[in-house]
Protein backbone atom coordinates (compact mmCIF):
# COMPACT_ATOMS: atom_id res chain seq x y z
CA MET A 1 -2.54 -7.00 -18.34
CA GLY A 2 -4.93 -9.68 -17.14
CA SER A 3 -2.62 -12.56 -18.11
CA TYR A 4 -0.14 -11.57 -15.39
CA TRP A 5 -2.48 -12.13 -12.49
CA SER A 6 -4.81 -14.69 -11.01
CA THR A 7 -8.33 -13.24 -11.09
CA THR A 8 -10.26 -16.08 -9.48
CA PRO A 9 -11.14 -15.28 -5.85
CA ALA A 10 -9.88 -18.00 -3.53
CA LYS A 11 -12.01 -19.72 -0.94
CA PRO A 12 -11.58 -18.15 2.51
CA VAL A 13 -9.46 -20.04 4.99
CA THR A 14 -11.04 -21.21 8.23
CA LEU A 15 -10.20 -18.52 10.75
CA ALA A 16 -9.64 -19.25 14.40
CA LYS A 17 -12.42 -17.45 16.19
CA MET A 18 -11.62 -14.55 18.44
CA ALA A 19 -13.87 -13.56 21.29
CA PRO A 20 -17.12 -12.08 19.92
CA GLU A 21 -16.35 -8.73 21.50
CA MET A 22 -13.11 -8.61 19.44
CA GLU A 23 -14.64 -9.80 16.17
CA GLU A 24 -16.93 -6.79 16.07
CA PHE A 25 -13.91 -4.52 15.60
CA LEU A 26 -13.12 -6.19 12.26
CA GLU A 27 -16.50 -5.73 10.60
CA ARG A 28 -16.27 -4.05 7.17
CA PRO A 29 -12.65 -2.89 7.52
CA ILE A 30 -11.52 -0.36 4.91
CA ILE A 31 -8.26 -1.15 3.11
CA VAL A 32 -6.66 1.66 1.09
CA VAL A 33 -4.41 0.38 -1.70
CA GLY A 34 -2.44 2.01 -4.48
CA ALA A 35 1.07 2.31 -5.82
CA PRO A 36 3.41 4.32 -3.60
CA ARG A 37 3.31 8.10 -4.03
CA SER A 38 -0.16 7.86 -5.57
CA GLY A 39 -2.26 9.47 -2.86
CA THR A 40 -2.64 6.55 -0.45
CA THR A 41 -1.47 8.70 2.46
CA LEU A 42 -3.94 11.43 1.53
CA MET A 43 -6.77 8.89 1.29
CA GLY A 44 -5.81 7.29 4.59
CA ASP A 45 -5.66 10.67 6.31
CA LEU A 46 -9.00 11.77 4.88
CA LEU A 47 -10.84 8.63 5.94
CA SER A 48 -9.10 8.44 9.30
CA ALA A 49 -10.50 11.88 10.12
CA HIS A 50 -13.91 10.20 10.35
CA PRO A 51 -14.78 9.88 14.05
CA THR A 52 -15.75 6.19 13.75
CA LEU A 53 -12.51 4.92 12.18
CA ALA A 54 -9.22 3.80 13.74
CA HIS A 55 -6.29 4.35 11.40
CA VAL A 56 -3.43 1.85 11.12
CA GLU A 57 -0.79 3.23 8.75
CA GLU A 58 1.60 0.87 6.97
CA PRO A 59 2.03 -1.91 9.57
CA ARG A 60 4.50 -3.59 7.24
CA LEU A 61 5.86 -6.18 9.67
CA THR A 62 2.39 -7.16 10.82
CA TRP A 63 1.31 -7.97 7.27
CA ARG A 64 4.51 -9.96 6.64
CA TYR A 65 4.18 -12.05 9.81
CA GLY A 66 5.11 -15.65 9.01
CA ASN A 67 6.11 -14.75 5.44
CA ASP A 68 9.14 -12.57 6.12
CA ALA A 69 11.44 -14.28 3.62
CA LYS A 70 9.07 -13.67 0.69
CA SER A 71 8.39 -10.69 -1.54
CA ASP A 72 5.34 -8.53 -0.84
CA MET A 73 3.34 -10.40 -3.49
CA LEU A 74 1.82 -12.87 -1.03
CA ARG A 75 -0.70 -15.47 -2.19
CA PRO A 76 -3.91 -16.78 -0.60
CA ALA A 77 -2.02 -19.90 0.50
CA ASP A 78 0.26 -17.65 2.58
CA ALA A 79 -2.75 -16.71 4.75
CA ARG A 80 -2.36 -19.72 7.01
CA PRO A 81 -4.57 -19.93 10.12
CA ASP A 82 -1.76 -18.82 12.44
CA VAL A 83 -0.97 -15.86 10.16
CA CYS A 84 -4.62 -14.78 9.99
CA ARG A 85 -5.06 -15.16 13.73
CA PHE A 86 -2.01 -12.99 14.47
CA ILE A 87 -2.83 -10.18 12.03
CA ARG A 88 -6.51 -10.07 12.95
CA GLY A 89 -5.66 -9.99 16.63
CA ARG A 90 -3.30 -7.07 16.15
CA PHE A 91 -5.86 -5.04 14.21
CA ALA A 92 -8.80 -5.83 16.50
CA ALA A 93 -6.77 -4.82 19.56
CA THR A 94 -5.78 -1.53 17.92
CA VAL A 95 -9.37 -0.63 17.08
CA ARG A 96 -10.56 -1.52 20.57
CA GLN A 97 -7.81 0.50 22.25
CA SER A 98 -8.61 3.52 20.07
CA GLY A 99 -12.22 3.61 21.25
CA LYS A 100 -13.39 3.66 17.61
CA GLN A 101 -15.70 1.28 15.74
CA ARG A 102 -14.02 0.22 12.51
CA LEU A 103 -10.57 -0.22 10.98
CA ILE A 104 -9.04 1.94 8.22
CA GLU A 105 -5.68 0.61 7.04
CA LYS A 106 -3.25 1.95 4.43
CA THR A 107 -0.28 0.02 3.02
CA PRO A 108 0.75 0.44 -0.66
CA SER A 109 2.28 -3.07 -0.69
CA ASN A 110 -1.20 -4.51 -0.16
CA SER A 111 -1.84 -3.63 -3.82
CA LEU A 112 0.30 -6.67 -4.63
CA ARG A 113 -1.55 -9.10 -2.34
CA MET A 114 -5.23 -8.22 -2.24
CA GLU A 115 -6.22 -11.89 -2.42
CA PHE A 116 -4.09 -12.50 0.67
CA VAL A 117 -5.67 -9.49 2.43
CA GLU A 118 -9.10 -10.83 1.50
CA GLN A 119 -8.26 -14.10 3.25
CA VAL A 120 -7.14 -12.32 6.41
CA LEU A 121 -10.01 -9.81 6.49
CA PRO A 122 -12.98 -11.40 4.67
CA GLY A 123 -15.51 -8.85 3.50
CA CYS A 124 -13.12 -5.90 3.65
CA LEU A 125 -13.74 -2.87 1.43
CA PHE A 126 -10.92 -1.91 -0.94
CA VAL A 127 -10.38 1.72 -1.96
CA HIS A 128 -7.82 1.84 -4.79
CA ILE A 129 -6.39 5.28 -5.54
CA ILE A 130 -4.55 5.65 -8.86
CA ARG A 131 -2.20 8.40 -10.04
CA ASP A 132 -0.48 9.14 -13.35
CA GLY A 133 2.40 6.65 -13.51
CA VAL A 134 4.89 9.23 -14.72
CA GLU A 135 4.21 11.46 -11.72
CA SER A 136 4.26 8.49 -9.34
CA SER A 137 7.48 7.01 -10.74
CA LEU A 138 9.32 10.31 -10.43
CA ALA A 139 8.03 10.77 -6.88
CA ILE A 140 8.94 7.18 -5.96
CA ARG A 141 12.53 7.77 -7.10
CA ARG A 142 12.73 10.90 -4.95
CA PHE A 143 11.65 8.88 -1.93
CA TRP A 144 14.17 6.14 -2.71
CA GLN A 145 16.89 8.76 -2.77
CA GLN A 146 15.76 10.41 0.45
CA HIS A 147 14.51 7.50 2.55
CA ALA A 148 16.19 4.24 1.48
CA ARG A 149 19.19 5.05 3.65
CA GLY A 150 19.13 6.01 7.30
CA VAL A 151 16.50 5.33 9.96
CA LYS A 152 14.41 7.95 11.70
CA PRO A 153 14.28 7.29 15.47
CA ARG A 154 10.47 7.54 15.56
CA LYS A 155 10.08 5.03 12.72
CA LEU A 156 12.63 2.71 14.30
CA LEU A 157 10.68 2.69 17.57
CA GLU A 158 7.45 1.95 15.68
CA ARG A 159 9.06 -1.01 13.90
CA LEU A 160 10.59 -2.36 17.11
CA ARG A 161 7.17 -2.30 18.78
CA GLU A 162 5.66 -4.07 15.79
CA MET A 163 8.42 -6.66 15.40
CA ASN A 164 8.40 -10.13 16.91
CA PRO A 165 11.76 -11.54 18.07
CA TRP A 166 11.82 -14.21 15.35
CA GLN A 167 11.52 -11.49 12.68
CA LEU A 168 14.81 -9.92 13.78
CA PRO A 169 17.10 -11.92 11.41
CA TYR A 170 15.16 -10.64 8.40
CA TYR A 171 14.86 -7.00 9.37
CA GLY A 172 18.20 -6.79 11.19
CA ARG A 173 19.89 -7.24 7.81
CA GLU A 174 17.66 -4.56 6.32
CA PHE A 175 18.57 -2.20 9.16
CA ALA A 176 22.28 -2.84 8.51
CA ARG A 177 21.85 -1.91 4.84
CA ARG A 178 20.17 1.34 5.78
CA ILE A 179 22.83 2.51 8.22
CA MET A 180 25.90 1.31 6.29
CA PRO A 181 28.06 4.33 5.29
CA ARG A 182 28.11 4.83 1.54
CA PRO A 183 31.87 4.12 1.21
CA LEU A 184 31.18 0.66 2.70
CA SER A 185 27.85 0.06 0.98
CA GLY A 186 29.43 -2.38 -1.45
CA LEU A 187 29.79 -4.85 1.40
CA VAL A 188 26.03 -5.37 1.59
CA ARG A 189 23.18 -5.37 -0.88
CA PRO A 190 21.67 -1.93 -1.57
CA PRO A 191 18.73 -0.88 0.61
CA VAL A 192 15.23 -1.20 -0.85
CA TRP A 193 12.36 1.25 -0.47
CA GLY A 194 8.67 0.68 -1.14
CA PRO A 195 6.80 -2.46 -2.24
CA ARG A 196 9.05 -5.48 -2.62
CA ILE A 197 7.98 -6.65 -6.05
CA PRO A 198 9.41 -10.10 -6.90
CA GLY A 199 13.04 -9.90 -7.95
CA ILE A 200 13.49 -6.26 -6.94
CA GLU A 201 17.07 -6.72 -5.75
CA SER A 202 18.08 -8.25 -9.07
CA LEU A 203 16.31 -5.45 -10.90
CA LEU A 204 18.37 -2.90 -8.96
CA LYS A 205 21.54 -4.48 -10.32
CA GLU A 206 20.38 -4.48 -13.95
CA LEU A 207 18.26 -1.34 -14.36
CA GLU A 208 18.34 2.37 -13.64
CA LEU A 209 16.56 3.36 -10.44
CA ILE A 210 13.81 5.20 -12.32
CA GLU A 211 13.05 1.98 -14.21
CA VAL A 212 12.65 0.04 -10.96
CA CYS A 213 10.33 2.77 -9.69
CA ALA A 214 8.26 2.55 -12.87
CA LEU A 215 7.98 -1.22 -12.43
CA GLN A 216 6.87 -0.77 -8.82
CA TRP A 217 4.09 1.56 -10.01
CA ARG A 218 2.99 -0.69 -12.87
CA THR A 219 3.03 -3.91 -10.85
CA CYS A 220 1.03 -2.40 -7.99
CA VAL A 221 -1.59 -0.82 -10.26
CA GLU A 222 -2.06 -3.85 -12.50
CA ALA A 223 -2.26 -6.32 -9.61
CA ALA A 224 -4.81 -4.20 -7.72
CA CYS A 225 -6.99 -3.61 -10.78
CA ALA A 226 -6.86 -7.25 -11.85
CA TYR A 227 -8.12 -8.60 -8.56
CA GLY A 228 -10.27 -5.68 -7.49
CA ARG A 229 -12.33 -5.78 -10.65
CA THR A 230 -13.35 -9.36 -9.90
CA LEU A 231 -15.05 -8.19 -6.70
CA PRO A 232 -18.63 -6.89 -6.45
CA PRO A 233 -18.95 -3.11 -6.88
CA ASP A 234 -19.80 -2.69 -3.20
CA ARG A 235 -16.41 -4.19 -2.27
CA TYR A 236 -13.96 -2.41 -4.60
CA LEU A 237 -13.73 1.23 -5.64
CA GLU A 238 -11.21 2.88 -7.98
CA CYS A 239 -10.59 6.61 -7.89
CA ARG A 240 -8.05 8.96 -9.44
CA LEU A 241 -5.91 11.37 -7.44
CA GLU A 242 -6.22 13.94 -10.21
CA GLU A 243 -10.00 13.84 -9.94
CA MET A 244 -10.28 14.31 -6.18
CA SER A 245 -13.05 16.73 -5.25
CA PRO A 246 -15.65 17.19 -2.51
CA GLU A 247 -18.13 15.31 -4.72
CA LEU A 248 -15.77 12.35 -5.24
CA LEU A 249 -14.98 12.31 -1.53
CA LYS A 250 -18.70 12.10 -0.78
CA SER A 251 -18.95 9.08 -3.09
CA ILE A 252 -16.00 7.43 -1.34
CA LEU A 253 -17.65 7.90 2.05
CA GLU A 254 -20.86 6.37 0.72
CA PHE A 255 -18.93 3.40 -0.67
CA CYS A 256 -17.29 2.94 2.73
CA GLN A 257 -20.74 3.03 4.37
CA LEU A 258 -19.82 6.12 6.36
CA GLU A 259 -21.98 9.07 7.30
CA PRO A 260 -20.91 12.54 6.09
CA SER A 261 -18.31 14.07 8.36
CA SER A 262 -17.30 17.68 8.89
CA GLU A 263 -13.91 16.43 10.11
CA VAL A 264 -13.30 14.67 6.79
CA ASP A 265 -14.38 17.74 4.82
CA ALA A 266 -12.06 19.97 6.84
CA THR A 267 -9.13 17.61 6.31
CA PHE A 268 -9.74 17.62 2.56
CA ALA A 269 -9.87 21.43 2.45
CA ARG A 270 -6.63 21.61 4.44
CA ASP A 271 -4.56 18.86 2.82
CA PHE A 272 -5.53 18.46 -0.83
CA ASP A 273 -3.67 20.57 -3.38
CA MET A 274 -4.60 19.85 -7.00
CA GLY A 275 -1.43 21.57 -8.18
CA LYS A 276 0.71 18.89 -6.55
CA THR A 277 -0.94 16.00 -8.38
CA ARG A 278 0.72 16.71 -11.75
CA HIS A 279 3.80 18.89 -11.46
CA ARG A 280 6.78 16.59 -12.10
CA ARG A 281 6.06 15.47 -15.67
CA ASP A 282 6.63 18.92 -17.17
CA ILE A 283 10.10 19.28 -15.66
CA ALA A 284 11.25 15.68 -16.11
CA SER A 285 14.16 15.00 -18.43
CA ALA A 286 13.56 13.36 -21.79
CA GLU A 287 15.74 10.45 -20.66
CA ASP A 288 13.63 9.87 -17.55
CA LEU A 289 10.40 10.00 -19.55
CA GLU A 290 11.77 7.54 -22.08
CA LEU A 291 12.78 5.06 -19.38
CA ILE A 292 9.44 5.36 -17.56
CA HIS A 293 7.48 4.87 -20.79
CA LYS A 294 9.63 1.86 -21.67
CA TRP A 295 8.02 -0.06 -18.80
CA THR A 296 4.66 1.65 -18.33
CA LEU A 297 3.35 3.06 -21.62
CA THR A 298 0.85 0.25 -22.30
CA THR A 299 -0.54 0.56 -18.76
CA LEU A 300 -0.64 4.37 -18.99
CA GLN A 301 -2.62 4.10 -22.22
CA TRP A 302 -4.94 1.50 -20.76
CA LEU A 303 -5.69 3.81 -17.83
CA GLY A 304 -6.12 6.86 -20.07
CA TYR A 305 -2.98 8.72 -18.95
CA ALA A 306 -1.29 8.58 -22.37
CA SER A 307 -2.60 8.73 -25.92
């Protein structure tokens, strides 16, 4: 696993200074990472219930500012001063406008680019939530099937607010793919959902969809573990969705340097359902399981999800 990834932390770029009153909003930001459909939304919702935190959920175009033509696996060199200045300014303004004290951000694609995120937000705290890759892969496929096509008006408005005019050529094409009627879909490349791992469009031509989903899970988990485990223990925390409990949640709050919160506890009691963490594997077809294991078995074994 380790041979795939660079594990040497890069030197931070020189950031253009914001006004001191803005910099304070980016102290110890909390970045939730994890493969899609692994509990990142749950973790983001739990932590965002804390009264001191301002939640920014999947600001995809903000993170890709200045690197729109690339995959989601951005490198430290992609965190150029103008890129850092733009992203930091967006986040600081959001925290200030919310009236809160610190940032909590959740984007699964950040699992692929934690070194880049580290350059943009030096000193950030990473919370990596991991889920059984079989369950995640099956859930990822379901979301591909339900969300890769079409655009919800609310989401479209969010993206338009987030987008800069010069990003339009990149995401205008993506919009066209999503709204193209299926009988005409052969005229454009198929729409993509979730983290853009390198070469994902070529993979869609060569592999079954469940295989691409399994590769999304594996690539996100391996990349996040490889870099995260080079960080000090007070900067990177791994947790398992299947092990979520009030006790684990307390440990996560302590790692994030947050005081106990009744709001967080209430959100956990309301939203977490252990039965939903492992319910797809038992009803999956033998063919699906075989294809998922083809690409993930070594990683599943390494993480303790498979014997």
